Amino acid sequence: MDRVSLILVILGSLNWACVGLFNFNFVDYTFGAGSALSRVIYTVVGIAGIWCISLLFRDRHNTVEDM
């Protein structure tokens, strides 16, 4: 779940970078601005971002067993 959330957050940030740099919204272009599918994608990426907040507060110890 952590990796999936992180991937979604990275993809969302790349979309926002395209909006900021080129005034191009990949999600709206692909699925239609304001469409139900676009709203679902934005919602899923937003939930992934909320999930990734939990990564900041977890204790992670890298050991041989984790690899």
PDB file of N, CA and C in Angstrom:
ATOM      1  N   MET A   1       0.825  -1.197   0.000  1.00  0.00           N
ATOM      2  CA  MET A   1       0.000   0.000   0.000  1.00  0.00           C
ATOM      3  C   MET A   1       0.873   1.267   0.000  1.00  0.00           C
ATOM      4  N   ASP A   2       1.971   1.216   0.730  1.00  0.00           N
ATOM      5  CA  ASP A   2       2.867   2.375   0.789  1.00  0.00           C
ATOM      6  C   ASP A   2       3.435   2.704  -0.585  1.00  0.00           C
ATOM      7  N   ARG A   3       3.891   1.696  -1.293  1.00  0.00           N
ATOM      8  CA  ARG A   3       4.494   1.931  -2.610  1.00  0.00           C
ATOM      9  C   ARG A   3       3.467   2.424  -3.614  1.00  0.00           C
ATOM     10  N   VAL A   4       2.285   1.835  -3.598  1.00  0.00           N
ATOM     11  CA  VAL A   4       1.230   2.269  -4.519  1.00  0.00           C
ATOM     12  C   VAL A   4       0.877   3.726  -4.247  1.00  0.00           C
ATOM     13  N   SER A   5       0.736   4.069  -2.978  1.00  0.00           N
ATOM     14  CA  SER A   5       0.422   5.451  -2.617  1.00  0.00           C
ATOM     15  C   SER A   5       1.523   6.393  -3.050  1.00  0.00           C
ATOM     16  N   LEU A   6       2.748   5.996  -2.836  1.00  0.00           N
ATOM     17  CA  LEU A   6       3.869   6.843  -3.219  1.00  0.00           C
ATOM     18  C   LEU A   6       3.925   7.032  -4.734  1.00  0.00           C
ATOM     19  N   ILE A   7       3.674   5.987  -5.483  1.00  0.00           N
ATOM     20  CA  ILE A   7       3.654   6.095  -6.943  1.00  0.00           C
ATOM     21  C   ILE A   7       2.552   7.049  -7.395  1.00  0.00           C
ATOM     22  N   LEU A   8       1.366   6.933  -6.800  1.00  0.00           N
ATOM     23  CA  LEU A   8       0.262   7.825  -7.161  1.00  0.00           C
ATOM     24  C   LEU A   8       0.575   9.277  -6.824  1.00  0.00           C
ATOM     25  N   VAL A   9       1.215   9.497  -5.688  1.00  0.00           N
ATOM     26  CA  VAL A   9       1.580  10.866  -5.299  1.00  0.00           C
ATOM     27  C   VAL A   9       2.619  11.425  -6.269  1.00  0.00           C
ATOM     28  N   ILE A  10       3.565  10.611  -6.675  1.00  0.00           N
ATOM     29  CA  ILE A  10       4.575  11.064  -7.630  1.00  0.00           C
ATOM     30  C   ILE A  10       3.922  11.400  -8.969  1.00  0.00           C
ATOM     31  N   LEU A  11       3.024  10.541  -9.445  1.00  0.00           N
ATOM     32  CA  LEU A  11       2.328  10.826 -10.700  1.00  0.00           C
ATOM     33  C   LEU A  11       1.492  12.097 -10.588  1.00  0.00           C
ATOM     34  N   GLY A  12       0.836  12.285  -9.456  1.00  0.00           N
ATOM     35  CA  GLY A  12       0.066  13.507  -9.248  1.00  0.00           C
ATOM     36  C   GLY A  12       0.944  14.738  -9.242  1.00  0.00           C
ATOM     37  N   SER A  13       2.117  14.625  -8.643  1.00  0.00           N
ATOM     38  CA  SER A  13       3.018  15.779  -8.607  1.00  0.00           C
ATOM     39  C   SER A  13       3.562  16.092 -10.001  1.00  0.00           C
ATOM     40  N   LEU A  14       3.783  15.061 -10.808  1.00  0.00           N
ATOM     41  CA  LEU A  14       4.219  15.307 -12.185  1.00  0.00           C
ATOM     42  C   LEU A  14       3.121  16.000 -12.983  1.00  0.00           C
ATOM     43  N   ASN A  15       1.876  15.636 -12.740  1.00  0.00           N
ATOM     44  CA  ASN A  15       0.767  16.315 -13.405  1.00  0.00           C
ATOM     45  C   ASN A  15       0.732  17.792 -12.997  1.00  0.00           C
ATOM     46  N   TRP A  16       0.901  18.064 -11.696  1.00  0.00           N
ATOM     47  CA  TRP A  16       0.904  19.459 -11.242  1.00  0.00           C
ATOM     48  C   TRP A  16       2.102  20.220 -11.796  1.00  0.00           C
ATOM     49  N   ALA A  17       3.223  19.556 -11.966  1.00  0.00           N
ATOM     50  CA  ALA A  17       4.387  20.215 -12.574  1.00  0.00           C
ATOM     51  C   ALA A  17       4.080  20.598 -14.021  1.00  0.00           C
ATOM     52  N   CYS A  18       3.386  19.729 -14.742  1.00  0.00           N
ATOM     53  CA  CYS A  18       2.985  20.054 -16.119  1.00  0.00           C
ATOM     54  C   CYS A  18       2.010  21.223 -16.142  1.00  0.00           C
ATOM     55  N   VAL A  19       1.113  21.274 -15.164  1.00  0.00           N
ATOM     56  CA  VAL A  19       0.172  22.395 -15.087  1.00  0.00           C
ATOM     57  C   VAL A  19       0.940  23.692 -14.838  1.00  0.00           C
ATOM     58  N   GLY A  20       1.881  23.652 -13.922  1.00  0.00           N
ATOM     59  CA  GLY A  20       2.628  24.854 -13.576  1.00  0.00           C
ATOM     60  C   GLY A  20       3.577  25.325 -14.656  1.00  0.00           C
ATOM     61  N   LEU A  21       4.250  24.390 -15.292  1.00  0.00           N
ATOM     62  CA  LEU A  21       5.263  24.756 -16.274  1.00  0.00           C
ATOM     63  C   LEU A  21       4.703  24.998 -17.667  1.00  0.00           C
ATOM     64  N   PHE A  22       3.737  24.172 -18.064  1.00  0.00           N
ATOM     65  CA  PHE A  22       3.272  24.196 -19.451  1.00  0.00           C
ATOM     66  C   PHE A  22       1.791  24.506 -19.595  1.00  0.00           C
ATOM     67  N   ASN A  23       1.104  24.730 -18.478  1.00  0.00           N
ATOM     68  CA  ASN A  23      -0.343  24.958 -18.489  1.00  0.00           C
ATOM     69  C   ASN A  23      -1.068  23.802 -19.187  1.00  0.00           C
ATOM     70  N   PHE A  24      -0.605  22.578 -18.920  1.00  0.00           N
ATOM     71  CA  PHE A  24      -1.166  21.375 -19.517  1.00  0.00           C
ATOM     72  C   PHE A  24      -1.523  20.397 -18.414  1.00  0.00           C
ATOM     73  N   ASN A  25      -2.792  20.042 -18.318  1.00  0.00           N
ATOM     74  CA  ASN A  25      -3.264  19.092 -17.317  1.00  0.00           C
ATOM     75  C   ASN A  25      -3.489  17.755 -18.003  1.00  0.00           C
ATOM     76  N   PHE A  26      -2.607  16.814 -17.720  1.00  0.00           N
ATOM     77  CA  PHE A  26      -2.654  15.515 -18.381  1.00  0.00           C
ATOM     78  C   PHE A  26      -3.942  14.753 -18.064  1.00  0.00           C
ATOM     79  N   VAL A  27      -4.399  14.812 -16.834  1.00  0.00           N
ATOM     80  CA  VAL A  27      -5.617  14.089 -16.442  1.00  0.00           C
ATOM     81  C   VAL A  27      -6.827  14.651 -17.185  1.00  0.00           C
ATOM     82  N   ASP A  28      -6.956  15.967 -17.191  1.00  0.00           N
ATOM     83  CA  ASP A  28      -8.080  16.576 -17.915  1.00  0.00           C
ATOM     84  C   ASP A  28      -8.003  16.305 -19.407  1.00  0.00           C
ATOM     85  N   TYR A  29      -6.811  16.343 -19.963  1.00  0.00           N
ATOM     86  CA  TYR A  29      -6.631  16.079 -21.386  1.00  0.00           C
ATOM     87  C   TYR A  29      -7.032  14.637 -21.727  1.00  0.00           C
ATOM     88  N   THR A  30      -6.626  13.705 -20.864  1.00  0.00           N
ATOM     89  CA  THR A  30      -6.849  12.294 -21.133  1.00  0.00           C
ATOM     90  C   THR A  30      -8.302  11.879 -20.897  1.00  0.00           C
ATOM     91  N   PHE A  31      -8.892  12.340 -19.798  1.00  0.00           N
ATOM     92  CA  PHE A  31     -10.211  11.845 -19.400  1.00  0.00           C
ATOM     93  C   PHE A  31     -11.321  12.881 -19.508  1.00  0.00           C
ATOM     94  N   GLY A  32     -10.974  14.103 -19.871  1.00  0.00           N
ATOM     95  CA  GLY A  32     -11.984  15.154 -19.998  1.00  0.00           C
ATOM     96  C   GLY A  32     -12.078  15.987 -18.736  1.00  0.00           C
ATOM     97  N   ALA A  33     -12.048  17.289 -18.905  1.00  0.00           N
ATOM     98  CA  ALA A  33     -12.108  18.205 -17.760  1.00  0.00           C
ATOM     99  C   ALA A  33     -13.465  18.077 -17.077  1.00  0.00           C
ATOM    100  N   GLY A  34     -13.442  17.842 -15.793  1.00  0.00           N
ATOM    101  CA  GLY A  34     -14.666  17.763 -15.012  1.00  0.00           C
ATOM    102  C   GLY A  34     -15.439  16.467 -15.149  1.00  0.00           C
ATOM    103  N   SER A  35     -14.875  15.495 -15.862  1.00  0.00           N
ATOM    104  CA  SER A  35     -15.577  14.227 -16.021  1.00  0.00           C
ATOM    105  C   SER A  35     -15.548  13.439 -14.708  1.00  0.00           C
ATOM    106  N   ALA A  36     -16.438  12.475 -14.621  1.00  0.00           N
ATOM    107  CA  ALA A  36     -16.505  11.643 -13.413  1.00  0.00           C
ATOM    108  C   ALA A  36     -15.204  10.879 -13.212  1.00  0.00           C
ATOM    109  N   LEU A  37     -14.610  10.394 -14.295  1.00  0.00           N
ATOM    110  CA  LEU A  37     -13.354   9.644 -14.177  1.00  0.00           C
ATOM    111  C   LEU A  37     -12.210  10.537 -13.701  1.00  0.00           C
ATOM    112  N   SER A  38     -12.166  11.767 -14.184  1.00  0.00           N
ATOM    113  CA  SER A  38     -11.146  12.706 -13.700  1.00  0.00           C
ATOM    114  C   SER A  38     -11.304  12.951 -12.207  1.00  0.00           C
ATOM    115  N   ARG A  39     -12.528  13.112 -11.773  1.00  0.00           N
ATOM    116  CA  ARG A  39     -12.779  13.338 -10.343  1.00  0.00           C
ATOM    117  C   ARG A  39     -12.357  12.131  -9.513  1.00  0.00           C
ATOM    118  N   VAL A  40     -12.596  10.938 -10.028  1.00  0.00           N
ATOM    119  CA  VAL A  40     -12.171   9.722  -9.319  1.00  0.00           C
ATOM    120  C   VAL A  40     -10.653   9.682  -9.224  1.00  0.00           C
ATOM    121  N   ILE A  41      -9.967   9.995 -10.308  1.00  0.00           N
ATOM    122  CA  ILE A  41      -8.500   9.981 -10.301  1.00  0.00           C
ATOM    123  C   ILE A  41      -7.961  11.003  -9.305  1.00  0.00           C
ATOM    124  N   TYR A  42      -8.507  12.216  -9.323  1.00  0.00           N
ATOM    125  CA  TYR A  42      -8.054  13.228  -8.363  1.00  0.00           C
ATOM    126  C   TYR A  42      -8.320  12.782  -6.931  1.00  0.00           C
ATOM    127  N   THR A  43      -9.442  12.129  -6.692  1.00  0.00           N
ATOM    128  CA  THR A  43      -9.776  11.656  -5.353  1.00  0.00           C
ATOM    129  C   THR A  43      -8.815  10.562  -4.900  1.00  0.00           C
ATOM    130  N   VAL A  44      -8.515   9.618  -5.786  1.00  0.00           N
ATOM    131  CA  VAL A  44      -7.596   8.529  -5.434  1.00  0.00           C
ATOM    132  C   VAL A  44      -6.201   9.077  -5.151  1.00  0.00           C
ATOM    133  N   VAL A  45      -5.743  10.018  -5.969  1.00  0.00           N
ATOM    134  CA  VAL A  45      -4.421  10.620  -5.734  1.00  0.00           C
ATOM    135  C   VAL A  45      -4.424  11.399  -4.413  1.00  0.00           C
ATOM    136  N   GLY A  46      -5.507  12.084  -4.116  1.00  0.00           N
ATOM    137  CA  GLY A  46      -5.611  12.808  -2.844  1.00  0.00           C
ATOM    138  C   GLY A  46      -5.584  11.870  -1.650  1.00  0.00           C
ATOM    139  N   ILE A  47      -6.284  10.747  -1.735  1.00  0.00           N
ATOM    140  CA  ILE A  47      -6.261   9.754  -0.652  1.00  0.00           C
ATOM    141  C   ILE A  47      -4.860   9.171  -0.500  1.00  0.00           C
ATOM    142  N   ALA A  48      -4.183   8.950  -1.623  1.00  0.00           N
ATOM    143  CA  ALA A  48      -2.800   8.456  -1.568  1.00  0.00           C
ATOM    144  C   ALA A  48      -1.897   9.464  -0.862  1.00  0.00           C
ATOM    145  N   GLY A  49      -2.124  10.750  -1.117  1.00  0.00           N
ATOM    146  CA  GLY A  49      -1.343  11.782  -0.432  1.00  0.00           C
ATOM    147  C   GLY A  49      -1.580  11.774   1.064  1.00  0.00           C
ATOM    148  N   ILE A  50      -2.832  11.595   1.448  1.00  0.00           N
ATOM    149  CA  ILE A  50      -3.149  11.511   2.888  1.00  0.00           C
ATOM    150  C   ILE A  50      -2.483  10.280   3.488  1.00  0.00           C
ATOM    151  N   TRP A  51      -2.502   9.172   2.768  1.00  0.00           N
ATOM    152  CA  TRP A  51      -1.845   7.954   3.257  1.00  0.00           C
ATOM    153  C   TRP A  51      -0.344   8.198   3.442  1.00  0.00           C
ATOM    154  N   CYS A  52       0.274   8.920   2.501  1.00  0.00           N
ATOM    155  CA  CYS A  52       1.718   9.162   2.571  1.00  0.00           C
ATOM    156  C   CYS A  52       2.107  10.051   3.753  1.00  0.00           C
ATOM    157  N   ILE A  53       1.164  10.812   4.284  1.00  0.00           N
ATOM    158  CA  ILE A  53       1.458  11.583   5.494  1.00  0.00           C
ATOM    159  C   ILE A  53       1.867  10.645   6.616  1.00  0.00           C
ATOM    160  N   SER A  54       1.260   9.466   6.662  1.00  0.00           N
ATOM    161  CA  SER A  54       1.597   8.509   7.718  1.00  0.00           C
ATOM    162  C   SER A  54       3.038   8.035   7.618  1.00  0.00           C
ATOM    163  N   LEU A  55       3.624   8.097   6.427  1.00  0.00           N
ATOM    164  CA  LEU A  55       5.020   7.683   6.270  1.00  0.00           C
ATOM    165  C   LEU A  55       5.967   8.575   7.073  1.00  0.00           C
ATOM    166  N   LEU A  56       5.575   9.813   7.295  1.00  0.00           N
ATOM    167  CA  LEU A  56       6.421  10.737   8.049  1.00  0.00           C
ATOM    168  C   LEU A  56       6.539  10.358   9.520  1.00  0.00           C
ATOM    169  N   PHE A  57       5.544   9.665  10.029  1.00  0.00           N
ATOM    170  CA  PHE A  57       5.485   9.399  11.464  1.00  0.00           C
ATOM    171  C   PHE A  57       5.777   7.951  11.827  1.00  0.00           C
ATOM    172  N   ARG A  58       6.176   7.159  10.879  1.00  0.00           N
ATOM    173  CA  ARG A  58       6.487   5.754  11.156  1.00  0.00           C
ATOM    174  C   ARG A  58       7.960   5.590  11.474  1.00  0.00           C
ATOM    175  N   ASP A  59       8.239   4.670  12.381  1.00  0.00           N
ATOM    176  CA  ASP A  59       9.626   4.288  12.656  1.00  0.00           C
ATOM    177  C   ASP A  59       9.990   3.173  11.699  1.00  0.00           C
ATOM    178  N   ARG A  60      10.983   3.424  10.877  1.00  0.00           N
ATOM    179  CA  ARG A  60      11.436   2.410   9.932  1.00  0.00           C
ATOM    180  C   ARG A  60      12.906   2.126  10.219  1.00  0.00           C
ATOM    181  N   HIS A  61      13.183   0.881  10.513  1.00  0.00           N
ATOM    182  CA  HIS A  61      14.554   0.480  10.731  1.00  0.00           C
ATOM    183  C   HIS A  61      14.936  -0.489   9.624  1.00  0.00           C
ATOM    184  N   ASN A  62      15.954  -0.134   8.872  1.00  0.00           N
ATOM    185  CA  ASN A  62      16.421  -1.009   7.804  1.00  0.00           C
ATOM    186  C   ASN A  62      17.314  -2.071   8.397  1.00  0.00           C
ATOM    187  N   THR A  63      16.897  -3.307   8.265  1.00  0.00           N
ATOM    188  CA  THR A  63      17.704  -4.431   8.741  1.00  0.00           C
ATOM    189  C   THR A  63      17.834  -5.406   7.608  1.00  0.00           C
ATOM    190  N   VAL A  64      18.635  -6.427   7.833  1.00  0.00           N
ATOM    191  CA  VAL A  64      18.823  -7.470   6.834  1.00  0.00           C
ATOM    192  C   VAL A  64      17.509  -8.207   6.607  1.00  0.00           C
ATOM    193  N   GLU A  65      16.692  -8.345   7.641  1.00  0.00           N
ATOM    194  CA  GLU A  65      15.431  -9.049   7.537  1.00  0.00           C
ATOM    195  C   GLU A  65      14.449  -8.335   6.626  1.00  0.00           C
ATOM    196  N   ASP A  66      14.516  -6.980   6.538  1.00  0.00           N
ATOM    197  CA  ASP A  66      13.609  -6.212   5.703  1.00  0.00           C
ATOM    198  C   ASP A  66      13.894  -6.377   4.221  1.00  0.00           C
ATOM    199  N   MET A  67      15.081  -6.779   3.879  1.00  0.00           N
ATOM    200  CA  MET A  67      15.473  -6.857   2.465  1.00  0.00           C
ATOM    201  C   MET A  67      15.162  -8.175   1.870  1.00  0.00           C
TER     202      MET A  67
END
